[in-house]
Amino acid sequence: MNLNRPKYFIIYAGSSPYIIEEMQKLPELFEFEAYENIILTINRLKELKKVFVRPDAILSDVNLPGLSGFDFYNKIIADSFFSNVPFILYNKIEHPEYFKISIKNKVDDYYQGNFKITDLHTRIFYLKKYLSYSPKAGTDNYVSFSIKLPLSKRLFDIFTSSFAILILSPLLLVISVLIKLESKGPLIYKSKRVGSGYNIFYFYKFRSMRIHSDKKIKELENKNIYKVEDDFRICPDCQRLGYPCSPELYIHGEKICENIYLKRKKAKIDQTFKKFENDPRITIIGNFIRKTSIDELPQLFNVLKGDMSIVGNRPLPLYEAEMLTSDQWAERFLGPAGLTGLWQVMLKNTKDDTNFNRKMIDNYYAKNYSFWRDLLIIFKTIPVLIFQKNK
């Protein structure tokens, strides 16, 4: 897979033959320095600090001579210069207790056994974005990773979004007034999304719910049309172990283990996203703009700003993007994020709309998008908006 990847500068505290050998096999991806104990590693980091150079990530064995990898982690986060550098722990064997401690201490990531080193590269890329790590331009390890779209596509996006905003401005104004008249609160709902190149940006929608609506969820639980007997709310493995059996995720204010999240996805149950019959949280105008997709129109400003494109893969919430950092699925982020795309015109609301198929079609678009294919998708989007029921 040709990703045109950045080269990462890694400081490794440890002596695992597997890590060292695998890193040395990929000089195009890693500039790699290994030190067998923490004292040598800290001395090297002090040297780098003097010349204002940060590594792209610090990798450490859990078991080290003298201090443990956890002690090393606490020293690193106490130093403001290195605190935002991704810190990853490694253990050559599976050890549930170490995994538990890493979660408790909020270590950025934890690997064990003989994992794929290329997956580590992709993971570091995401962590650098997530931790807002930005090394100083001009330093030896500075890398700028961005997905450059064809000029023709960007110009088309600017022209189309500007023209659409101009033509739709009367509608946008009327909807804005109606939203403000019906209920108190901000006009625009903003949420963080991950788009092209793992770029994190604020995703715009017209607000369709009353403010403080989350407080009413418990009162409406019996009306949840997705409620089933086995809602995978409690993880039996977590109960048995007495600590999280897998990394914890924070989804819509709910803390769950990754194991339960995957079970919900497999069963097509997402109890963190609830849908209620005659949901009183949704305003009258909110119900209308949702059914007609008018609530999505503010994303034209995302397109104008360059966060998104008219056609591309839908940007994902942070917690979903974090789970798609393996080589198999990372390709979708090499294409633009878009208002509409292949998923909307080929899979949405069909029996084939599965997570696997969606990932495959997103990857396909990222590798094969073109001006004429984008035009075809736009033309196909119009009947989809008119005839398919908005869910």
Foldseek 3Di string as FASTA:
>chain_A
DDPVAAAFEEEEAADDPLVVVLQVVCNVRYDYDYDPALVVSVVVVVVCVVVQDAGLAYEYEQDGPPDGLVVSLVVQCVDVSRVLRQYEYEEAADDVVVVQVCLVSVRVYYYYHNDNVVLVSLLSLLSCQVSVPAGDPPDPRHDDDFQDDDPVQLVVLQVVLVVCCVVCVVVVVVLQVVVVVQADDDQWDWAWFQWASRHIDTAIFGDFFHPPLVVCCVVQVVQFPLDDPPLLPDDPVCVVVVGAPARWDQALNDIDHVVSVVVCQVVVHDPSDTDGDVRPRGTPSSVVCQFLVVRNSVCSVVSNVPQFGAEAAATHHPRVVSVQSGPVQPLLSSATHHPYYPCLLPPPPDPPPGPVVSSVRSNVCSVDPDPVVRVVRVVSNVVSSVPPGRD
